Protein backbone atom coordinates (compact mmCIF):
# COMPACT_ATOMS: atom_id res chain seq x y z
CA MET A 1 123.92 96.04 62.17
CA LYS A 2 124.56 98.48 59.25
CA LYS A 3 128.00 98.67 57.35
CA LEU A 4 130.38 101.18 58.87
CA LEU A 5 131.50 103.98 56.76
CA THR A 6 134.77 105.65 57.29
CA SER A 7 135.16 109.24 58.03
CA THR A 8 136.70 109.57 54.32
CA LEU A 9 133.34 110.96 53.27
CA ALA A 10 133.14 113.52 55.71
CA LEU A 11 136.61 114.61 54.82
CA LEU A 12 135.85 114.66 51.04
CA LEU A 13 132.68 116.78 51.65
CA ALA A 14 134.83 119.10 53.90
CA GLY A 15 137.77 119.33 51.47
CA SER A 16 135.58 121.19 48.88
CA LEU A 17 134.44 123.68 51.48
CA THR A 18 137.52 124.45 53.96
CA ALA A 19 141.21 123.45 54.48
CA CYS A 20 141.46 120.32 56.81
CA GLY A 21 144.10 118.93 59.26
CA GLU A 22 144.56 115.18 60.29
CA SER A 23 141.49 113.44 60.94
CA SER A 24 140.47 110.76 63.61
CA ALA A 25 140.14 107.26 62.07
CA THR A 26 136.99 106.80 64.05
CA PRO A 27 134.39 105.20 61.78
CA VAL A 28 130.95 106.53 61.01
CA GLN A 29 128.04 104.35 61.92
CA THR A 30 125.06 105.05 59.90
CA GLY A 31 121.54 105.27 61.24
CA SER A 32 118.03 103.93 60.30
CA ALA A 33 117.40 106.87 57.85
CA GLY A 34 119.68 105.33 55.05
CA LYS A 35 118.23 103.40 52.15
CA ASP A 36 120.85 100.77 52.36
CA ASP A 37 124.15 100.12 53.72
CA ALA A 38 126.06 102.14 50.90
CA ASP A 39 123.64 104.82 50.74
CA PRO A 40 123.86 106.91 53.96
CA VAL A 41 121.72 110.19 54.37
CA VAL A 42 124.18 112.86 55.06
CA ILE A 43 123.21 116.54 56.20
CA ASN A 44 126.06 119.02 55.33
CA TYR A 45 125.95 121.74 57.93
CA GLY A 46 127.90 125.00 57.97
CA ILE A 47 129.20 126.96 60.72
CA SER A 48 131.34 130.17 60.68
CA SER A 49 133.10 129.81 63.83
CA PRO A 50 134.93 126.66 65.36
CA TRP A 51 134.08 125.08 68.47
CA ASP A 52 136.88 125.53 70.95
CA SER A 53 136.03 122.46 73.01
CA LEU A 54 134.06 119.34 73.01
CA MET A 55 133.58 119.41 76.78
CA PRO A 56 130.50 121.67 77.33
CA TYR A 57 131.75 123.17 80.74
CA ASN A 58 135.37 124.00 79.22
CA SER A 59 134.68 126.47 76.56
CA PRO A 60 137.16 129.41 76.53
CA SER A 61 134.83 131.54 74.51
CA GLY A 62 131.44 130.30 75.85
CA SER A 63 130.34 131.28 72.30
CA ASN A 64 127.19 130.26 70.63
CA TYR A 65 128.82 128.23 68.05
CA ALA A 66 130.27 126.02 70.55
CA ARG A 67 126.74 125.78 72.25
CA MET A 68 125.49 124.53 68.80
CA VAL A 69 127.80 121.82 68.95
CA TYR A 70 126.99 120.81 72.73
CA ASP A 71 123.24 120.97 71.98
CA LYS A 72 123.64 118.15 69.67
CA ILE A 73 125.91 115.78 71.55
CA TYR A 74 124.56 116.38 75.03
CA ASP A 75 121.06 116.69 76.45
CA ARG A 76 119.42 119.86 77.95
CA LEU A 77 116.37 119.92 80.34
CA GLY A 78 114.04 121.79 77.65
CA TYR A 79 113.92 123.17 74.34
CA VAL A 80 113.52 126.94 74.08
CA HIS A 81 111.39 128.30 71.35
CA ALA A 82 111.69 131.67 69.79
CA ASP A 83 108.66 133.01 71.34
CA GLY A 84 110.06 132.08 74.93
CA THR A 85 107.85 128.94 75.62
CA VAL A 86 109.96 125.94 76.69
CA THR A 87 108.75 122.28 75.69
CA PRO A 88 110.26 118.90 77.13
CA ARG A 89 113.68 117.66 76.21
CA ALA A 90 115.56 115.81 78.85
CA ALA A 91 112.72 116.66 81.36
CA ASP A 92 109.32 115.78 80.47
CA SER A 93 107.69 118.57 82.88
CA TRP A 94 108.45 120.66 85.74
CA GLU A 95 107.00 122.76 88.63
CA SER A 96 107.77 125.39 91.11
CA ALA A 97 108.39 124.35 94.77
CA ASP A 98 109.40 125.83 98.02
CA ASP A 99 107.49 129.00 97.49
CA GLY A 100 109.28 129.79 94.11
CA MET A 101 112.69 128.97 95.86
CA ALA A 102 112.94 125.56 93.90
CA ALA A 103 112.07 123.80 90.66
CA VAL A 104 111.31 120.15 90.42
CA PHE A 105 112.08 118.33 87.05
CA HIS A 106 110.53 115.04 86.02
CA LEU A 107 112.94 113.54 83.72
CA ASN A 108 112.41 111.45 80.83
CA GLU A 109 112.64 107.90 81.70
CA LYS A 110 113.78 106.73 78.13
CA ALA A 111 116.70 108.97 78.17
CA ALA A 112 120.14 107.09 77.67
CA PHE A 113 123.64 107.84 77.29
CA HIS A 114 125.27 106.93 73.82
CA ASP A 115 126.81 103.78 75.45
CA GLY A 116 123.38 102.76 76.51
CA THR A 117 123.37 103.74 80.34
CA PRO A 118 120.22 105.17 81.49
CA VAL A 119 120.27 108.91 82.43
CA THR A 120 119.16 109.51 86.00
CA ALA A 121 118.69 112.30 88.47
CA GLN A 122 122.05 111.33 90.00
CA ASN A 123 123.89 111.96 86.72
CA TRP A 124 122.55 115.55 86.85
CA VAL A 125 123.33 116.08 90.50
CA ASP A 126 126.57 114.43 90.03
CA THR A 127 127.36 116.85 87.02
CA ILE A 128 126.65 119.78 89.16
CA ALA A 129 128.58 118.58 92.10
CA LEU A 130 131.68 117.97 89.95
CA MET A 131 131.30 121.38 88.11
CA THR A 132 130.94 123.46 91.36
CA ASP A 133 133.77 121.73 93.02
CA PRO A 134 136.38 124.31 93.70
CA ALA A 135 139.09 122.04 92.66
CA CYS A 136 137.45 121.29 89.08
CA PRO A 137 139.12 123.84 86.61
CA THR A 138 135.74 124.27 84.67
CA LEU A 139 135.44 127.46 82.74
CA GLY A 140 131.37 127.23 82.86
CA ARG A 141 131.18 127.52 86.59
CA SER A 142 129.49 130.89 86.58
CA ALA A 143 126.22 129.36 85.13
CA PHE A 144 125.70 127.49 88.70
CA ALA A 145 125.72 130.75 90.64
CA VAL A 146 122.21 130.97 90.65
CA LEU A 147 121.76 127.68 92.93
CA ALA A 148 121.77 127.66 96.61
CA GLY A 149 125.21 126.62 98.22
CA THR A 150 127.46 128.33 95.74
CA ASP A 151 129.41 131.55 95.94
CA GLU A 152 129.01 134.42 93.20
CA THR A 153 131.30 132.36 90.97
CA GLY A 154 129.27 129.22 91.06
CA ALA A 155 131.63 127.39 93.43
CA ALA A 156 130.25 125.22 96.02
CA VAL A 157 130.59 126.65 99.48
CA GLU A 158 132.10 124.29 101.85
CA GLY A 159 129.44 123.29 104.61
CA GLU A 160 126.40 124.47 102.76
CA ALA A 161 123.96 122.20 101.01
CA LEU A 162 124.30 122.37 97.21
CA GLY A 163 120.87 123.23 95.56
CA ALA A 164 120.94 119.95 93.51
CA GLU A 165 119.05 117.08 94.79
CA VAL A 166 117.80 113.55 93.80
CA LEU A 167 114.29 113.10 94.72
CA ASP A 168 114.02 109.81 92.92
CA ASP A 169 115.85 108.12 89.95
CA HIS A 170 113.80 110.45 87.54
CA THR A 171 113.13 113.50 89.51
CA LEU A 172 115.75 116.28 89.87
CA LYS A 173 115.25 119.38 92.33
CA LEU A 174 117.14 122.51 91.99
CA THR A 175 117.14 125.10 94.62
CA PHE A 176 117.76 128.79 93.99
CA LYS A 177 119.30 131.69 95.79
CA ALA A 178 116.13 133.73 95.00
CA VAL A 179 112.63 133.23 93.86
CA THR A 180 112.81 131.82 90.43
CA THR A 181 110.13 130.26 88.28
CA PRO A 182 111.22 127.13 86.37
CA GLU A 183 110.47 128.74 82.94
CA ASP A 184 112.67 131.75 83.97
CA PHE A 185 115.58 129.36 84.94
CA LEU A 186 115.37 127.52 81.61
CA LEU A 187 115.14 130.70 79.44
CA ASP A 188 118.29 132.05 81.25
CA LYS A 189 120.38 128.90 81.89
CA ASN A 190 119.11 125.94 79.75
CA ARG A 191 122.03 126.42 77.40
CA GLU A 192 124.42 126.39 80.03
CA PHE A 193 123.19 123.10 81.88
CA TYR A 194 124.13 119.79 80.32
CA VAL A 195 124.09 116.25 81.86
CA LEU A 196 127.56 114.58 81.60
CA PRO A 197 128.27 110.83 81.69
CA THR A 198 129.38 110.80 85.35
CA HIS A 199 129.33 107.05 85.32
CA LEU A 200 132.60 107.31 83.00
CA MET A 201 134.04 109.87 85.37
CA GLU A 202 134.09 107.84 88.46
CA GLY A 203 137.35 107.73 90.27
CA THR A 204 138.73 110.91 88.54
CA ASP A 205 140.04 113.47 90.95
CA PRO A 206 138.00 116.76 90.02
CA ALA A 207 141.26 118.66 89.34
CA ASP A 208 141.81 116.24 86.45
CA ILE A 209 138.39 116.02 85.07
CA MET A 210 138.99 118.50 81.98
CA ASP A 211 142.24 116.36 81.03
CA MET A 212 140.19 113.11 80.29
CA ASP A 213 140.62 111.48 77.08
CA LEU A 214 136.40 111.23 77.13
CA TRP A 215 136.32 114.86 75.78
CA THR A 216 138.30 113.83 72.68
CA ALA A 217 135.54 111.37 71.73
CA PRO A 218 132.71 112.38 74.06
CA VAL A 219 129.70 110.21 75.23
CA GLY A 220 126.51 112.32 75.84
CA SER A 221 122.96 111.76 75.83
CA GLY A 222 121.79 114.16 72.99
CA PRO A 223 120.20 113.61 69.51
CA CYS A 224 123.66 112.95 67.83
CA LYS A 225 126.61 110.95 68.53
CA PHE A 226 130.25 111.89 68.26
CA VAL A 227 131.91 110.21 65.46
CA SER A 228 135.22 112.22 64.46
CA GLU A 229 136.66 115.66 64.39
CA VAL A 230 139.31 117.41 62.50
CA SER A 231 139.83 120.14 64.96
CA GLY A 232 138.78 123.73 63.84
CA SER A 233 137.31 122.34 60.54
CA THR A 234 134.86 119.40 60.75
CA LEU A 235 132.76 117.56 63.14
CA THR A 236 131.31 114.28 62.11
CA LEU A 237 128.13 113.13 64.17
CA SER A 238 125.66 110.35 63.71
CA ALA A 239 122.02 110.31 64.49
CA ASN A 240 121.15 108.71 67.99
CA ASP A 241 118.43 106.39 66.82
CA ASP A 242 117.46 105.80 70.51
CA TYR A 243 117.15 109.47 71.45
CA GLN A 244 113.98 109.99 73.72
CA LEU A 245 112.22 112.53 71.37
CA GLY A 246 112.58 110.37 68.39
CA ALA A 247 115.47 109.35 65.94
CA PRO A 248 116.77 112.04 63.70
CA GLY A 249 115.91 111.68 59.92
CA PHE A 250 119.32 111.24 58.83
CA ASP A 251 122.38 109.19 59.34
CA GLN A 252 125.05 111.69 59.61
CA LEU A 253 125.62 115.47 60.31
CA VAL A 254 128.77 116.64 58.99
CA MET A 255 129.61 120.20 60.50
CA THR A 256 132.12 122.27 58.42
CA VAL A 257 133.83 125.59 59.34
CA MET A 258 133.41 128.31 56.65
CA GLU A 259 133.79 131.93 55.95
CA LYS A 260 130.51 133.51 56.95
CA SER A 261 130.23 135.39 53.47
CA SER A 262 130.49 131.45 51.76
CA LEU A 263 127.71 130.15 53.74
CA LEU A 264 124.67 130.90 51.31
CA THR A 265 126.72 130.64 48.32
CA ALA A 266 127.37 126.95 49.43
CA VAL A 267 123.74 126.15 50.18
CA ILE A 268 122.96 127.65 46.42
CA ALA A 269 125.75 125.46 45.02
CA GLY A 270 124.47 122.51 47.08
CA ASP A 271 127.54 121.97 49.02
CA LEU A 272 125.67 122.71 52.21
CA ASP A 273 122.14 121.66 53.14
CA TYR A 274 121.69 124.20 55.95
CA TYR A 275 123.97 126.46 58.17
CA ALA A 276 123.90 127.58 61.65
CA ILE A 277 122.09 130.33 63.56
CA GLY A 278 118.73 129.67 61.49
CA GLY A 279 120.23 130.03 58.03
CA SER A 280 120.10 133.89 58.62
CA VAL A 281 120.55 136.10 55.78
CA SER A 282 120.62 139.96 55.50
CA ALA A 283 118.17 141.96 53.33
CA ASP A 284 120.89 142.56 51.01
CA THR A 285 121.78 138.75 50.49
CA ALA A 286 118.12 137.51 50.78
CA SER A 287 117.44 138.43 47.01
CA ALA A 288 120.35 136.35 46.02
CA ALA A 289 118.68 133.45 47.70
CA ALA A 290 115.37 134.06 46.22
CA ASP A 291 116.85 134.40 42.66
CA ALA A 292 118.44 131.14 43.15
CA GLY A 293 115.06 129.58 43.74
CA LEU A 294 115.27 129.21 47.67
CA THR A 295 112.48 130.29 49.94
CA VAL A 296 113.35 132.91 52.46
CA GLU A 297 111.01 133.35 55.47
CA GLU A 298 110.95 136.25 58.05
CA GLY A 299 111.18 135.35 61.61
CA THR A 300 108.13 135.44 63.65
CA VAL A 301 109.65 136.84 66.72
CA PRO A 302 112.26 139.95 66.96
CA ASN A 303 115.96 138.54 67.13
CA THR A 304 117.62 141.86 67.24
CA PHE A 305 117.18 144.88 69.79
CA TYR A 306 118.73 148.18 68.83
CA GLU A 307 119.61 150.80 71.46
CA LEU A 308 121.41 154.12 71.95
CA MET A 309 123.61 153.97 74.79
CA LEU A 310 123.93 157.17 76.92
CA ASN A 311 126.44 158.21 79.42
CA ASN A 312 124.30 159.50 82.53
CA GLU A 313 127.45 161.12 84.04
CA SER A 314 128.20 163.34 81.09
CA ILE A 315 124.63 163.80 80.03
CA PRO A 316 123.20 164.04 83.63
CA ASP A 317 119.84 166.03 82.89
CA THR A 318 116.95 163.85 82.36
CA LYS A 319 115.39 166.41 80.36
CA ILE A 320 118.14 166.53 77.73
CA ARG A 321 118.10 162.53 77.54
CA ARG A 322 114.20 162.58 76.97
CA ALA A 323 114.80 165.59 74.33
CA ILE A 324 117.24 163.37 72.50
CA GLU A 325 114.54 160.40 72.30
CA LEU A 326 111.98 162.96 71.02
CA ALA A 327 114.40 164.19 68.37
CA LEU A 328 114.98 160.75 66.88
CA ASP A 329 112.41 159.72 64.09
CA LYS A 330 112.61 156.04 65.14
CA GLU A 331 110.36 155.01 62.53
CA LEU A 332 112.98 156.51 59.67
CA LEU A 333 115.85 155.14 61.58
CA SER A 334 114.54 151.57 61.58
CA GLN A 335 113.42 151.63 58.09
CA GLN A 336 116.75 152.77 56.67
CA THR A 337 118.47 149.92 58.85
CA SER A 338 115.95 147.22 59.20
CA GLY A 339 113.40 147.86 56.20
CA ASP A 340 109.98 146.60 57.05
CA ARG A 341 111.25 144.36 59.58
CA GLY A 342 111.76 146.71 62.53
CA ALA A 343 109.25 147.72 65.04
CA VAL A 344 109.98 150.87 67.25
CA THR A 345 109.97 150.41 70.87
CA GLY A 346 110.31 152.34 74.11
CA THR A 347 111.38 149.32 75.92
CA SER A 348 113.78 146.34 75.97
CA VAL A 349 111.25 143.93 76.99
CA LEU A 350 110.06 141.73 74.06
CA PRO A 351 106.21 142.20 73.11
CA THR A 352 106.13 138.33 73.09
CA CYS A 353 107.13 138.33 76.96
CA ALA A 354 104.68 137.11 79.09
CA SER A 355 105.18 140.06 81.22
CA TYR A 356 105.19 142.51 78.54
CA ALA A 357 103.58 145.76 79.99
CA GLY A 358 103.34 147.93 76.83
CA ASP A 359 106.04 149.71 74.40
CA TYR A 360 106.49 152.93 76.43
CA ASN A 361 107.33 154.52 72.97
CA VAL A 362 107.23 158.29 72.51
CA SER A 363 106.29 159.65 69.21
CA TYR A 364 109.11 161.88 67.25
CA ASP A 365 108.28 165.41 68.42
CA LEU A 366 110.99 167.87 67.15
CA GLU A 367 109.36 170.88 68.82
CA GLY A 368 108.98 168.94 72.11
CA ALA A 369 112.58 168.21 72.04
CA LYS A 370 113.55 171.78 71.74
CA ALA A 371 111.32 172.79 74.41
CA LEU A 372 113.01 170.26 76.73
CA LEU A 373 116.32 171.55 75.74
CA THR A 374 115.47 175.08 76.59
CA GLU A 375 114.18 173.65 79.99
CA ALA A 376 117.28 172.07 80.64
CA GLY A 377 119.45 175.14 79.91
CA TYR A 378 121.41 173.11 77.10
CA ASP A 379 124.52 175.12 76.39
CA GLY A 380 125.21 173.50 72.95
CA ARG A 381 128.10 171.23 74.03
CA GLU A 382 129.20 168.68 71.55
CA TYR A 383 128.69 165.06 72.32
CA SER A 384 130.53 162.16 70.92
CA LEU A 385 128.68 159.21 69.26
CA ALA A 386 130.55 156.03 68.88
CA CYS A 387 129.61 153.40 66.34
CA SER A 388 131.23 150.57 64.34
CA SER A 389 131.74 150.99 60.69
CA ASN A 390 128.75 149.05 59.77
CA ARG A 391 126.58 151.39 61.67
CA ALA A 392 128.22 154.69 60.19
CA GLY A 393 125.21 155.53 58.00
CA LEU A 394 122.77 154.96 61.02
CA ALA A 395 125.03 157.16 62.98
CA ALA A 396 125.13 159.87 60.38
CA LEU A 397 121.26 160.03 60.22
CA ILE A 398 121.16 160.27 64.20
CA GLN A 399 123.63 163.09 63.99
CA GLN A 400 121.54 164.88 61.48
CA GLU A 401 118.31 164.23 63.25
CA LEU A 402 119.87 165.61 66.52
CA ALA A 403 121.24 168.73 64.65
CA GLU A 404 117.83 169.80 63.67
CA ALA A 405 117.01 169.72 67.47
CA GLY A 406 119.84 171.91 68.33
CA ILE A 407 122.22 168.99 69.49
CA SER A 408 125.71 168.84 68.49
CA ILE A 409 127.05 165.31 67.78
CA ARG A 410 130.67 164.27 66.71
CA ILE A 411 130.86 160.81 65.30
CA GLU A 412 133.65 158.57 66.24
CA THR A 413 134.07 155.19 64.31
CA VAL A 414 135.68 152.24 66.19
CA ASP A 415 135.31 148.54 66.53
CA SER A 416 132.53 147.14 68.83
CA ALA A 417 135.04 146.28 71.62
CA ALA A 418 136.32 149.63 71.71
CA MET A 419 132.93 151.23 71.77
CA PHE A 420 131.77 149.04 74.74
CA ALA A 421 135.02 149.60 76.46
CA GLY A 422 134.56 153.42 75.94
CA MET A 423 131.14 153.50 77.04
CA THR A 424 132.25 151.61 80.25
CA ASP A 425 135.00 153.91 81.12
CA GLY A 426 133.26 157.15 80.29
CA THR A 427 135.02 158.02 76.91
CA TYR A 428 131.95 158.45 74.79
CA ASP A 429 128.84 160.14 75.58
CA MET A 430 126.78 157.90 73.33
CA GLY A 431 126.97 154.63 71.49
CA ILE A 432 124.82 152.74 68.82
CA ALA A 433 124.33 149.14 69.69
CA SER A 434 122.40 145.83 69.04
CA HIS A 435 121.75 142.86 70.91
CA THR A 436 120.22 139.52 70.78
CA PRO A 437 117.04 139.64 72.82
CA SER A 438 115.55 136.98 75.44
CA ALA A 439 111.92 136.35 76.34
CA LEU A 440 112.92 137.22 80.08
CA PRO A 441 111.52 140.68 80.97
CA LEU A 442 115.06 141.65 82.70
CA TRP A 443 117.17 140.13 79.77
CA PHE A 444 118.64 143.62 79.22
CA VAL A 445 118.50 145.84 82.00
CA GLU A 446 119.42 143.39 84.88
CA SER A 447 123.10 142.86 84.00
CA ARG A 448 123.71 146.83 83.12
CA PHE A 449 122.27 148.36 86.20
CA THR A 450 124.87 146.75 88.75
CA GLU A 451 127.85 148.24 90.39
CA ASP A 452 130.03 145.84 88.38
CA ASN A 453 128.58 146.75 85.01
CA ASN A 454 126.98 150.05 85.36
CA ILE A 455 127.56 150.84 81.66
CA PHE A 456 125.22 153.96 81.46
CA HIS A 457 127.02 155.64 84.52
CA VAL A 458 123.67 156.04 86.41
CA GLN A 459 124.32 157.93 89.59
CA ASP A 460 121.71 156.46 91.81
CA LEU A 461 121.14 152.64 91.01
CA ALA A 462 118.77 151.99 93.91
CA PRO A 463 115.48 152.82 92.08
CA TYR A 464 116.49 150.58 89.17
CA THR A 465 117.60 147.63 91.43
CA GLU A 466 114.59 147.84 93.79
CA ARG A 467 112.31 147.48 91.00
CA MET A 468 114.19 144.78 89.31
CA GLU A 469 114.25 142.73 92.47
CA ALA A 470 110.40 143.29 92.82
CA VAL A 471 110.05 141.72 89.36
CA LYS A 472 112.06 138.76 90.17
CA ALA A 473 110.17 138.18 93.36
CA GLU A 474 106.79 137.98 91.70
CA THR A 475 105.47 134.57 90.39
CA ASP A 476 101.94 135.49 89.80
CA PRO A 477 101.78 136.56 86.26
CA ALA A 478 99.52 139.59 86.73
CA ALA A 479 101.44 140.86 89.58
CA ARG A 480 104.82 140.46 87.61
CA THR A 481 103.48 142.39 84.73
CA GLU A 482 102.73 145.18 87.20
CA ALA A 483 106.02 144.98 88.65
CA VAL A 484 107.61 145.16 85.22
CA ALA A 485 105.46 148.29 84.41
CA ALA A 486 106.64 150.12 87.41
CA LEU A 487 110.20 149.66 86.24
CA GLU A 488 109.56 150.75 82.44
CA GLU A 489 107.69 153.80 83.93
CA LEU A 490 111.02 154.59 85.71
CA MET A 491 112.89 153.90 82.56
CA ALA A 492 110.61 156.13 80.35
CA GLN A 493 110.80 159.08 82.81
CA GLU A 494 114.60 158.94 83.29
CA ARG A 495 115.89 157.36 80.04
CA PRO A 496 119.15 156.05 81.03
CA PHE A 497 119.21 154.43 77.53
CA ILE A 498 117.12 154.92 74.50
CA PRO A 499 115.52 151.71 73.20
CA LEU A 500 114.96 152.13 69.23
CA TRP A 501 113.51 149.16 67.69
CA PHE A 502 113.24 145.48 67.44
CA GLY A 503 114.02 143.70 64.29
CA THR A 504 113.25 140.36 62.83
CA GLY A 505 115.57 138.04 60.90
CA LEU A 506 115.31 136.57 57.63
CA HIS A 507 116.04 132.75 57.16
CA VAL A 508 116.95 130.77 54.18
CA GLN A 509 114.71 127.48 54.25
CA SER A 510 117.01 124.50 53.44
CA PRO A 511 116.14 123.15 50.12
CA THR A 512 116.84 119.48 51.02
CA VAL A 513 116.02 119.15 54.85
CA SER A 514 112.46 119.56 56.31
CA GLY A 515 111.63 119.97 60.00
CA ILE A 516 114.06 122.95 60.84
CA ASP A 517 112.62 125.14 63.46
CA TYR A 518 114.72 128.29 61.80
CA THR A 519 113.75 131.15 64.40
CA SER A 520 114.70 128.90 67.59
CA ALA A 521 118.08 128.80 66.50
CA SER A 522 118.97 131.94 67.94
CA PHE A 523 118.57 130.47 71.38
CA SER A 524 121.63 127.99 70.28
CA ASN A 525 119.32 124.89 70.15
CA GLU A 526 118.14 123.12 67.09
CA ASN A 527 115.42 120.40 66.88
CA VAL A 528 117.53 117.95 65.04
CA TRP A 529 115.54 115.09 66.08
CA GLU A 530 112.85 116.57 63.83
CA TRP A 531 114.97 117.09 60.94
CA SER A 532 114.58 114.73 57.88
CA LYS A 533 116.60 114.61 54.61
CA GLN A 534 115.34 112.25 52.00
């Protein structure tokens, strides 16, 4: 066995980057990557926001930064790639069952918890049963609301069969409330479902699960093992040499919380090897990385979707909403904001989505916009346009373009939370927003056309919800694409919101670590078992 190295090294590394609190005295065990006992291979990893829990179903924020930590300690069923494909992780394969109402997952028989105990389908079922138990005070229960036998909050319903079943030691069956393909389930929920070491939780009352000492030194089955934590500052992990997809090519991974603005500087200085969310940089900072000799690569799949939100109650005429779109030179707006990394669109569906039915974009047409406004009898009323301060330039350009068509705009600069709150309560007529897209065809629209979240204030939701239900009910690829087309044609005709463009990201390649899948990091998963630092 290799010599044990205390967490002093992790603290020394962290000390040069951020202030530290009291550290655990838990020793660090080096993995197989080190050349010898005194030379462990350490990857220094920067992250701009701290995790708020080491228990994956008890995160108050549910943030991507917490998910980045859980992704390494615990295991997920699959690995989600940037293009929307999913490859094996805890599960080797999967297929649909029961006419699309269920999915069967064939688990990797080599998977084991960090204490050496094999991971079985029973662990998965027991995890789901515990987290859906109404007596368990989990904060991550809503993820299970897609399963049969749960209510809208994800809590198990007494007297109903829970949609999680052991078929054999390494075969897990999940039954859903609606037709769901395994791929759609994984794209939507993979980052929410983790298997817990339920063999270490036996005899604990569900009400006391979150208070277990286990979560201060968690035992997972992921590619990294917990070593020590300085709360809110650093997290030291060691490589799991027995991980079923292969041992990571390092001994230790030290995650250090830093100011976002300092991450690239720390990589350039050699204090960090890599930082979270794919080493993303803006166009402004990419040049500094290149000047320092670092390689900057552009993402191959869009990671940002830009939209102009519309209040359909204060702008009730379809002709006026369509006129607004025609009056916007999306190419110019995209170029001003995203440079050459933007692609204009008339849909929120990613072009890489298997059900993509076309871009539904309309060309800039100032005269067409004026004609529609005349048809609608537009009276020249002034509309409010809300934006955050970093979008002030974009808002000014939109204001200018709409003024050329005769539409009067008043810009109100607020923070993002206030903008969304104002769109929700009807304070604003328009708002500029961006989002991280998913390869699911309904990733954007499904949650925004409901009675509980009708953010665009659509008066009749039925035509939208009917078409969305038709998309979800189709498992045949060609039929599903047709259903998506029917929904997008309605969107293009009514324009409850205006899709603007998709943007791709820029990623700084680590100068010291190979094998990183940069663009897939936006899905809060990282292929650390393929990373190698020499």
